[in-house]
Amino acid sequence: MKPSALLTVCVTTALAATIPSTKRIPTAAESAVLGRRILALTPLATLSTIFPTDNAPVSGRENRPASVAGMPHGLMEYIADCDDSDSGNPTILAISIETSFLNAAAGSNMSVSVNWVPPHPPVKRIQSRKSWWDLVFRHGEDAESEVADPLTYSAAALPRFSLLGYVERIEGGDESKELAKCFVKSHPDARYWLPGNRIHESHFVRLVVKEVYWIGGFGDRAYIGWIPIQEWKKVKRAEWEAVRLPGEKKGWKEWNLDL
């Protein structure tokens, strides 16, 4: 590459970095609508709780090390949007012996972290520009060789959120055929550990959401911060059904995301 061309590349890159984005940042209310759609479409989440303090009794069956007292604990779990009140409280099929629900029974609050996984990969990925060193000094196969990307999309560019609250048993939920039907629709395999099964003691619970923290993606185009709980709870089904998330349809491009 000629020195003049290299200078043009460097100046153009520097100027691009200083030009402020003209994209409009979505409001917390708009982000709440997107979050409610993600909750409705996403079957998996990370449940986080706190182990009881060291003076709490430990059952021999659990065999919990004393050193984890007061530490956070997070594991993937099945969730579903089956709340009759349509207020954004996720439904969970709790297995009584699972650590997350033992911690909740001992008094721990819970956070449910959800991230959007697009069903279709983007047609155009976010990629770093080659450095001036690569442009000037590296040529041939070495310059083009790349390690295979384990993800087909940029997870950092996509929305995710955390619902913070407490676990509440759904009264009558264990006998509710409609609740079981809704949950199994998202998780067909869960029919084998529904309440009343012969293997595990289980029951339906909801996370009563008290706070919502949202990361919509990159900060120059997405809302990042707390969503007021009233905004989260007042979203109607018709609202989240009317919006679409990145990757729901084929042909999307990562750099064009506005969340």
C-alpha atoms as a PDB file:
ATOM      1  CA  MET A   1       0.000   0.000   0.000  1.00  0.00           C
ATOM      2  CA  LYS A   2       1.248   3.502  -0.856  1.00  0.00           C
ATOM      3  CA  PRO A   3       1.948   5.885   2.066  1.00  0.00           C
ATOM      4  CA  SER A   4      -0.805   8.215   0.813  1.00  0.00           C
ATOM      5  CA  ALA A   5      -3.321   5.381   0.858  1.00  0.00           C
ATOM      6  CA  LEU A   6      -2.227   4.380   4.351  1.00  0.00           C
ATOM      7  CA  LEU A   7      -2.661   7.978   5.531  1.00  0.00           C
ATOM      8  CA  THR A   8      -6.162   8.067   4.054  1.00  0.00           C
ATOM      9  CA  VAL A   9      -7.088   4.869   5.911  1.00  0.00           C
ATOM     10  CA  CYS A  10      -5.753   6.180   9.221  1.00  0.00           C
ATOM     11  CA  VAL A  11      -7.403   9.612   8.909  1.00  0.00           C
ATOM     12  CA  THR A  12     -10.733   8.117   7.838  1.00  0.00           C
ATOM     13  CA  THR A  13     -10.683   5.693  10.771  1.00  0.00           C
ATOM     14  CA  ALA A  14      -9.818   8.464  13.237  1.00  0.00           C
ATOM     15  CA  LEU A  15     -12.568  10.754  11.943  1.00  0.00           C
ATOM     16  CA  ALA A  16     -15.149   7.970  12.044  1.00  0.00           C
ATOM     17  CA  ALA A  17     -14.345   7.395  15.698  1.00  0.00           C
ATOM     18  CA  THR A  18     -15.041  11.062  16.554  1.00  0.00           C
ATOM     19  CA  ILE A  19     -18.349  11.461  14.704  1.00  0.00           C
ATOM     20  CA  PRO A  20     -21.219  11.175  17.208  1.00  0.00           C
ATOM     21  CA  SER A  21     -23.976   8.700  16.467  1.00  0.00           C
ATOM     22  CA  THR A  22     -27.240  10.179  15.203  1.00  0.00           C
ATOM     23  CA  LYS A  23     -29.259   7.131  16.219  1.00  0.00           C
ATOM     24  CA  ARG A  24     -32.072   7.654  18.699  1.00  0.00           C
ATOM     25  CA  ILE A  25     -31.700   5.724  21.922  1.00  0.00           C
ATOM     26  CA  PRO A  26     -34.921   3.830  22.731  1.00  0.00           C
ATOM     27  CA  THR A  27     -36.733   4.757  25.913  1.00  0.00           C
ATOM     28  CA  ALA A  28     -37.053   2.539  28.960  1.00  0.00           C
ATOM     29  CA  ALA A  29     -40.715   1.973  28.060  1.00  0.00           C
ATOM     30  CA  GLU A  30     -39.836   0.845  24.529  1.00  0.00           C
ATOM     31  CA  SER A  31     -37.153  -1.439  25.939  1.00  0.00           C
ATOM     32  CA  ALA A  32     -39.718  -2.930  28.305  1.00  0.00           C
ATOM     33  CA  VAL A  33     -41.827  -3.989  25.316  1.00  0.00           C
ATOM     34  CA  LEU A  34     -38.811  -5.695  23.731  1.00  0.00           C
ATOM     35  CA  GLY A  35     -37.968  -7.361  27.026  1.00  0.00           C
ATOM     36  CA  ARG A  36     -41.469  -8.741  27.400  1.00  0.00           C
ATOM     37  CA  ARG A  37     -41.226 -10.235  23.910  1.00  0.00           C
ATOM     38  CA  ILE A  38     -37.898 -11.827  24.806  1.00  0.00           C
ATOM     39  CA  LEU A  39     -39.449 -13.271  27.966  1.00  0.00           C
ATOM     40  CA  ALA A  40     -42.307 -14.738  25.925  1.00  0.00           C
ATOM     41  CA  LEU A  41     -40.003 -16.329  23.341  1.00  0.00           C
ATOM     42  CA  THR A  42     -37.030 -17.438  25.441  1.00  0.00           C
ATOM     43  CA  PRO A  43     -37.237 -20.814  27.223  1.00  0.00           C
ATOM     44  CA  LEU A  44     -33.978 -20.655  29.194  1.00  0.00           C
ATOM     45  CA  ALA A  45     -32.620 -18.342  31.865  1.00  0.00           C
ATOM     46  CA  THR A  46     -29.984 -18.236  34.577  1.00  0.00           C
ATOM     47  CA  LEU A  47     -31.437 -18.341  38.092  1.00  0.00           C
ATOM     48  CA  SER A  48     -29.194 -16.734  40.712  1.00  0.00           C
ATOM     49  CA  THR A  49     -29.632 -17.040  44.463  1.00  0.00           C
ATOM     50  CA  ILE A  50     -27.523 -16.655  47.608  1.00  0.00           C
ATOM     51  CA  PHE A  51     -26.492 -19.585  49.786  1.00  0.00           C
ATOM     52  CA  PRO A  52     -27.714 -19.311  53.397  1.00  0.00           C
ATOM     53  CA  THR A  53     -25.361 -17.990  56.055  1.00  0.00           C
ATOM     54  CA  ASP A  54     -23.099 -20.448  57.828  1.00  0.00           C
ATOM     55  CA  ASN A  55     -25.418 -20.729  60.838  1.00  0.00           C
ATOM     56  CA  ALA A  56     -28.262 -22.066  58.690  1.00  0.00           C
ATOM     57  CA  PRO A  57     -28.939 -25.806  58.937  1.00  0.00           C
ATOM     58  CA  VAL A  58     -27.559 -27.982  56.158  1.00  0.00           C
ATOM     59  CA  SER A  59     -29.331 -31.186  55.247  1.00  0.00           C
ATOM     60  CA  GLY A  60     -27.189 -34.268  54.830  1.00  0.00           C
ATOM     61  CA  ARG A  61     -28.759 -34.829  51.434  1.00  0.00           C
ATOM     62  CA  GLU A  62     -27.531 -31.470  50.161  1.00  0.00           C
ATOM     63  CA  ASN A  63     -24.031 -31.844  51.653  1.00  0.00           C
ATOM     64  CA  ARG A  64     -23.300 -28.137  51.148  1.00  0.00           C
ATOM     65  CA  PRO A  65     -19.755 -26.980  51.974  1.00  0.00           C
ATOM     66  CA  ALA A  66     -19.690 -24.455  54.811  1.00  0.00           C
ATOM     67  CA  SER A  67     -17.357 -22.237  52.772  1.00  0.00           C
ATOM     68  CA  VAL A  68     -20.103 -21.278  50.294  1.00  0.00           C
ATOM     69  CA  ALA A  69     -22.225 -19.554  52.960  1.00  0.00           C
ATOM     70  CA  GLY A  70     -23.379 -16.183  51.637  1.00  0.00           C
ATOM     71  CA  MET A  71     -21.991 -16.795  48.152  1.00  0.00           C
ATOM     72  CA  PRO A  72     -24.007 -16.287  44.951  1.00  0.00           C
ATOM     73  CA  HIS A  73     -25.054 -19.304  42.924  1.00  0.00           C
ATOM     74  CA  GLY A  74     -26.369 -19.348  39.361  1.00  0.00           C
ATOM     75  CA  LEU A  75     -27.629 -22.150  37.126  1.00  0.00           C
ATOM     76  CA  MET A  76     -29.604 -22.490  33.904  1.00  0.00           C
ATOM     77  CA  GLU A  77     -33.270 -23.339  34.304  1.00  0.00           C
ATOM     78  CA  TYR A  78     -36.420 -23.663  32.218  1.00  0.00           C
ATOM     79  CA  ILE A  79     -38.766 -20.676  32.307  1.00  0.00           C
ATOM     80  CA  ALA A  80     -42.047 -19.852  30.573  1.00  0.00           C
ATOM     81  CA  ASP A  81     -44.305 -16.831  30.234  1.00  0.00           C
ATOM     82  CA  CYS A  82     -47.449 -18.407  31.678  1.00  0.00           C
ATOM     83  CA  ASP A  83     -48.549 -15.753  34.169  1.00  0.00           C
ATOM     84  CA  ASP A  84     -52.318 -15.200  33.993  1.00  0.00           C
ATOM     85  CA  SER A  85     -51.934 -11.624  35.197  1.00  0.00           C
ATOM     86  CA  ASP A  86     -49.789 -10.759  32.157  1.00  0.00           C
ATOM     87  CA  SER A  87     -47.486  -8.704  34.367  1.00  0.00           C
ATOM     88  CA  GLY A  88     -44.144 -10.141  33.279  1.00  0.00           C
ATOM     89  CA  ASN A  89     -43.555 -12.598  36.128  1.00  0.00           C
ATOM     90  CA  PRO A  90     -41.840 -15.700  34.678  1.00  0.00           C
ATOM     91  CA  THR A  91     -43.160 -19.138  35.591  1.00  0.00           C
ATOM     92  CA  ILE A  92     -40.722 -21.808  36.775  1.00  0.00           C
ATOM     93  CA  LEU A  93     -41.223 -25.506  37.474  1.00  0.00           C
ATOM     94  CA  ALA A  94     -39.342 -25.883  40.742  1.00  0.00           C
ATOM     95  CA  ILE A  95     -37.762 -29.185  41.718  1.00  0.00           C
ATOM     96  CA  SER A  96     -37.711 -29.090  45.509  1.00  0.00           C
ATOM     97  CA  ILE A  97     -34.221 -30.581  45.887  1.00  0.00           C
ATOM     98  CA  GLU A  98     -32.564 -28.177  43.430  1.00  0.00           C
ATOM     99  CA  THR A  99     -30.099 -25.769  44.995  1.00  0.00           C
ATOM    100  CA  SER A 100     -31.744 -22.622  43.612  1.00  0.00           C
ATOM    101  CA  PHE A 101     -35.042 -23.489  45.276  1.00  0.00           C
ATOM    102  CA  LEU A 102     -33.426 -24.684  48.502  1.00  0.00           C
ATOM    103  CA  ASN A 103     -31.763 -21.269  48.720  1.00  0.00           C
ATOM    104  CA  ALA A 104     -35.072 -19.549  47.969  1.00  0.00           C
ATOM    105  CA  ALA A 105     -36.813 -21.626  50.639  1.00  0.00           C
ATOM    106  CA  ALA A 106     -34.111 -20.509  53.084  1.00  0.00           C
ATOM    107  CA  GLY A 107     -34.951 -16.869  52.395  1.00  0.00           C
ATOM    108  CA  SER A 108     -32.853 -15.905  49.386  1.00  0.00           C
ATOM    109  CA  ASN A 109     -34.185 -13.527  46.778  1.00  0.00           C
ATOM    110  CA  MET A 110     -33.643 -14.494  43.141  1.00  0.00           C
ATOM    111  CA  SER A 111     -32.590 -12.924  39.876  1.00  0.00           C
ATOM    112  CA  VAL A 112     -33.570 -14.397  36.524  1.00  0.00           C
ATOM    113  CA  SER A 113     -31.177 -13.405  33.740  1.00  0.00           C
ATOM    114  CA  VAL A 114     -32.399 -13.744  30.158  1.00  0.00           C
ATOM    115  CA  ASN A 115     -30.576 -13.094  26.889  1.00  0.00           C
ATOM    116  CA  TRP A 116     -31.949 -13.004  23.361  1.00  0.00           C
ATOM    117  CA  VAL A 117     -30.665 -15.768  21.054  1.00  0.00           C
ATOM    118  CA  PRO A 118     -31.614 -15.073  17.424  1.00  0.00           C
ATOM    119  CA  PRO A 119     -33.051 -18.081  15.550  1.00  0.00           C
ATOM    120  CA  HIS A 120     -31.358 -16.960  12.311  1.00  0.00           C
ATOM    121  CA  PRO A 121     -27.711 -15.854  11.934  1.00  0.00           C
ATOM    122  CA  PRO A 122     -27.018 -12.400  10.465  1.00  0.00           C
ATOM    123  CA  VAL A 123     -26.111 -12.077   6.794  1.00  0.00           C
ATOM    124  CA  LYS A 124     -23.510  -9.490   7.722  1.00  0.00           C
ATOM    125  CA  ARG A 125     -21.376  -9.819  10.837  1.00  0.00           C
ATOM    126  CA  ILE A 126     -19.693  -7.187  12.972  1.00  0.00           C
ATOM    127  CA  GLN A 127     -16.009  -7.422  12.132  1.00  0.00           C
ATOM    128  CA  SER A 128     -12.975  -5.424  13.149  1.00  0.00           C
ATOM    129  CA  ARG A 129     -11.195  -3.458  10.469  1.00  0.00           C
ATOM    130  CA  LYS A 130      -7.694  -4.623   9.696  1.00  0.00           C
ATOM    131  CA  SER A 131      -5.020  -2.595  11.454  1.00  0.00           C
ATOM    132  CA  TRP A 132      -2.515  -0.496   9.516  1.00  0.00           C
ATOM    133  CA  TRP A 133       0.089  -3.168  10.339  1.00  0.00           C
ATOM    134  CA  ASP A 134      -2.008  -5.821   8.594  1.00  0.00           C
ATOM    135  CA  LEU A 135      -2.706  -3.555   5.628  1.00  0.00           C
ATOM    136  CA  VAL A 136       0.945  -2.636   5.077  1.00  0.00           C
ATOM    137  CA  PHE A 137       3.019  -5.601   6.174  1.00  0.00           C
ATOM    138  CA  ARG A 138       0.846  -8.732   6.130  1.00  0.00           C
ATOM    139  CA  HIS A 139      -0.119 -10.398   2.872  1.00  0.00           C
ATOM    140  CA  GLY A 140      -1.126 -13.824   1.622  1.00  0.00           C
ATOM    141  CA  GLU A 141      -2.800 -16.625   3.514  1.00  0.00           C
ATOM    142  CA  ASP A 142      -1.537 -15.563   6.926  1.00  0.00           C
ATOM    143  CA  ALA A 143      -3.400 -12.269   6.650  1.00  0.00           C
ATOM    144  CA  GLU A 144      -6.673 -13.955   5.742  1.00  0.00           C
ATOM    145  CA  SER A 145      -6.579 -16.949   8.088  1.00  0.00           C
ATOM    146  CA  GLU A 146      -9.124 -16.739  10.881  1.00  0.00           C
ATOM    147  CA  VAL A 147     -10.161 -18.949  13.760  1.00  0.00           C
ATOM    148  CA  ALA A 148     -13.704 -20.257  13.364  1.00  0.00           C
ATOM    149  CA  ASP A 149     -16.173 -18.185  15.383  1.00  0.00           C
ATOM    150  CA  PRO A 150     -18.010 -20.393  17.915  1.00  0.00           C
ATOM    151  CA  LEU A 151     -20.986 -17.998  17.733  1.00  0.00           C
ATOM    152  CA  THR A 152     -22.856 -17.109  14.562  1.00  0.00           C
ATOM    153  CA  TYR A 153     -23.805 -13.694  15.966  1.00  0.00           C
ATOM    154  CA  SER A 154     -22.456 -10.952  18.233  1.00  0.00           C
ATOM    155  CA  ALA A 155     -23.970 -11.592  21.646  1.00  0.00           C
ATOM    156  CA  ALA A 156     -22.692  -8.211  22.877  1.00  0.00           C
ATOM    157  CA  ALA A 157     -24.882  -6.426  20.312  1.00  0.00           C
ATOM    158  CA  LEU A 158     -28.090  -8.153  21.408  1.00  0.00           C
ATOM    159  CA  PRO A 159     -30.436  -7.401  24.313  1.00  0.00           C
ATOM    160  CA  ARG A 160     -30.369  -9.134  27.674  1.00  0.00           C
ATOM    161  CA  PHE A 161     -31.838  -8.321  31.050  1.00  0.00           C
ATOM    162  CA  SER A 162     -32.101  -9.365  34.657  1.00  0.00           C
ATOM    163  CA  LEU A 163     -35.345  -9.673  36.604  1.00  0.00           C
ATOM    164  CA  LEU A 164     -34.858  -9.272  40.350  1.00  0.00           C
ATOM    165  CA  GLY A 165     -37.422 -10.345  42.898  1.00  0.00           C
ATOM    166  CA  TYR A 166     -38.544 -13.260  45.025  1.00  0.00           C
ATOM    167  CA  VAL A 167     -40.028 -16.707  44.453  1.00  0.00           C
ATOM    168  CA  GLU A 168     -43.710 -17.257  45.178  1.00  0.00           C
ATOM    169  CA  ARG A 169     -45.511 -20.565  44.965  1.00  0.00           C
ATOM    170  CA  ILE A 170     -48.451 -20.486  42.550  1.00  0.00           C
ATOM    171  CA  GLU A 171     -51.449 -21.487  44.625  1.00  0.00           C
ATOM    172  CA  GLY A 172     -53.411 -24.197  42.858  1.00  0.00           C
ATOM    173  CA  GLY A 173     -50.830 -24.245  40.106  1.00  0.00           C
ATOM    174  CA  ASP A 174     -49.840 -27.840  40.718  1.00  0.00           C
ATOM    175  CA  GLU A 175     -53.367 -28.963  39.874  1.00  0.00           C
ATOM    176  CA  SER A 176     -53.824 -26.524  36.987  1.00  0.00           C
ATOM    177  CA  LYS A 177     -53.970 -28.303  33.650  1.00  0.00           C
ATOM    178  CA  GLU A 178     -53.769 -24.985  31.798  1.00  0.00           C
ATOM    179  CA  LEU A 179     -50.570 -23.977  33.585  1.00  0.00           C
ATOM    180  CA  ALA A 180     -48.975 -27.364  32.901  1.00  0.00           C
ATOM    181  CA  LYS A 181     -50.087 -27.177  29.265  1.00  0.00           C
ATOM    182  CA  CYS A 182     -48.533 -23.726  28.877  1.00  0.00           C
ATOM    183  CA  PHE A 183     -45.237 -24.802  30.441  1.00  0.00           C
ATOM    184  CA  VAL A 184     -44.976 -28.032  28.447  1.00  0.00           C
ATOM    185  CA  LYS A 185     -45.638 -26.092  25.248  1.00  0.00           C
ATOM    186  CA  SER A 186     -42.249 -24.415  25.779  1.00  0.00           C
ATOM    187  CA  HIS A 187     -40.615 -27.493  27.313  1.00  0.00           C
ATOM    188  CA  PRO A 188     -42.068 -30.792  26.020  1.00  0.00           C
ATOM    189  CA  ASP A 189     -39.612 -32.854  28.085  1.00  0.00           C
ATOM    190  CA  ALA A 190     -40.815 -31.211  31.307  1.00  0.00           C
ATOM    191  CA  ARG A 191     -43.964 -33.348  31.217  1.00  0.00           C
ATOM    192  CA  TYR A 192     -41.905 -36.035  32.986  1.00  0.00           C
ATOM    193  CA  TRP A 193     -41.329 -33.927  36.101  1.00  0.00           C
ATOM    194  CA  LEU A 194     -44.615 -32.067  36.364  1.00  0.00           C
ATOM    195  CA  PRO A 195     -46.172 -31.927  39.857  1.00  0.00           C
ATOM    196  CA  GLY A 196     -47.351 -35.373  40.917  1.00  0.00           C
ATOM    197  CA  ASN A 197     -44.661 -37.299  39.031  1.00  0.00           C
ATOM    198  CA  ARG A 198     -43.107 -40.398  40.622  1.00  0.00           C
ATOM    199  CA  ILE A 199     -39.496 -39.208  40.383  1.00  0.00           C
ATOM    200  CA  HIS A 200     -39.174 -35.743  41.925  1.00  0.00           C
ATOM    201  CA  GLU A 201     -41.213 -33.521  44.181  1.00  0.00           C
ATOM    202  CA  SER A 202     -42.004 -30.432  42.103  1.00  0.00           C
ATOM    203  CA  HIS A 203     -44.289 -27.419  42.099  1.00  0.00           C
ATOM    204  CA  PHE A 204     -44.930 -24.307  40.033  1.00  0.00           C
ATOM    205  CA  VAL A 205     -43.575 -20.968  41.200  1.00  0.00           C
ATOM    206  CA  ARG A 206     -43.387 -17.466  39.790  1.00  0.00           C
ATOM    207  CA  LEU A 207     -40.683 -14.885  40.171  1.00  0.00           C
ATOM    208  CA  VAL A 208     -42.419 -11.806  41.537  1.00  0.00           C
ATOM    209  CA  VAL A 209     -40.454  -9.153  39.677  1.00  0.00           C
ATOM    210  CA  LYS A 210     -39.518  -6.093  41.738  1.00  0.00           C
ATOM    211  CA  GLU A 211     -36.768  -4.575  39.575  1.00  0.00           C
ATOM    212  CA  VAL A 212     -35.582  -4.892  35.964  1.00  0.00           C
ATOM    213  CA  TYR A 213     -32.089  -4.140  34.643  1.00  0.00           C
ATOM    214  CA  TRP A 214     -31.725  -3.950  30.858  1.00  0.00           C
ATOM    215  CA  ILE A 215     -28.818  -3.954  28.419  1.00  0.00           C
ATOM    216  CA  GLY A 216     -30.209  -3.476  24.927  1.00  0.00           C
ATOM    217  CA  GLY A 217     -26.880  -3.857  23.139  1.00  0.00           C
ATOM    218  CA  PHE A 218     -24.252  -1.255  22.273  1.00  0.00           C
ATOM    219  CA  GLY A 219     -24.683   1.977  24.199  1.00  0.00           C
ATOM    220  CA  ASP A 220     -24.642   4.260  21.150  1.00  0.00           C
ATOM    221  CA  ARG A 221     -27.930   2.814  19.926  1.00  0.00           C
ATOM    222  CA  ALA A 222     -29.518   0.871  22.779  1.00  0.00           C
ATOM    223  CA  TYR A 223     -30.956   1.726  26.167  1.00  0.00           C
ATOM    224  CA  ILE A 224     -28.864   0.514  29.097  1.00  0.00           C
ATOM    225  CA  GLY A 225     -30.148   0.890  32.643  1.00  0.00           C
ATOM    226  CA  TRP A 226     -33.042   0.222  34.971  1.00  0.00           C
ATOM    227  CA  ILE A 227     -36.550  -0.166  33.597  1.00  0.00           C
ATOM    228  CA  PRO A 228     -39.177   1.185  36.027  1.00  0.00           C
ATOM    229  CA  ILE A 229     -41.205  -1.738  37.295  1.00  0.00           C
ATOM    230  CA  GLN A 230     -44.493  -0.078  36.314  1.00  0.00           C
ATOM    231  CA  GLU A 231     -43.279   0.116  32.699  1.00  0.00           C
ATOM    232  CA  TRP A 232     -42.417  -3.588  32.761  1.00  0.00           C
ATOM    233  CA  LYS A 233     -45.721  -4.705  34.251  1.00  0.00           C
ATOM    234  CA  LYS A 234     -48.043  -2.564  32.134  1.00  0.00           C
ATOM    235  CA  VAL A 235     -46.872  -3.946  28.765  1.00  0.00           C
ATOM    236  CA  LYS A 236     -49.782  -5.684  27.047  1.00  0.00           C
ATOM    237  CA  ARG A 237     -49.576  -8.810  24.940  1.00  0.00           C
ATOM    238  CA  ALA A 238     -50.658  -6.890  21.839  1.00  0.00           C
ATOM    239  CA  GLU A 239     -47.671  -4.569  22.291  1.00  0.00           C
ATOM    240  CA  TRP A 240     -44.959  -7.218  22.447  1.00  0.00           C
ATOM    241  CA  GLU A 241     -46.619  -9.225  19.693  1.00  0.00           C
ATOM    242  CA  ALA A 242     -46.359  -6.179  17.409  1.00  0.00           C
ATOM    243  CA  VAL A 243     -42.557  -5.820  17.641  1.00  0.00           C
ATOM    244  CA  ARG A 244     -39.791  -7.982  16.187  1.00  0.00           C
ATOM    245  CA  LEU A 245     -36.344  -8.802  17.529  1.00  0.00           C
ATOM    246  CA  PRO A 246     -33.087  -9.128  15.574  1.00  0.00           C
ATOM    247  CA  GLY A 247     -32.842 -12.492  13.864  1.00  0.00           C
ATOM    248  CA  GLU A 248     -36.514 -13.399  14.012  1.00  0.00           C
ATOM    249  CA  LYS A 249     -36.447 -12.919  10.266  1.00  0.00           C
ATOM    250  CA  LYS A 250     -33.665 -13.892   7.897  1.00  0.00           C
ATOM    251  CA  GLY A 251     -31.455 -11.292   6.248  1.00  0.00           C
ATOM    252  CA  TRP A 252     -30.651  -9.034   9.217  1.00  0.00           C
ATOM    253  CA  LYS A 253     -27.369  -7.172   9.676  1.00  0.00           C
ATOM    254  CA  GLU A 254     -25.686  -6.688  13.027  1.00  0.00           C
ATOM    255  CA  TRP A 255     -24.509  -3.108  12.479  1.00  0.00           C
ATOM    256  CA  ASN A 256     -28.068  -2.014  11.689  1.00  0.00           C
ATOM    257  CA  LEU A 257     -29.467  -2.882  15.099  1.00  0.00           C
ATOM    258  CA  ASP A 258     -31.429  -0.160  16.856  1.00  0.00           C
ATOM    259  CA  LEU A 259     -32.481  -1.394  20.277  1.00  0.00           C
END
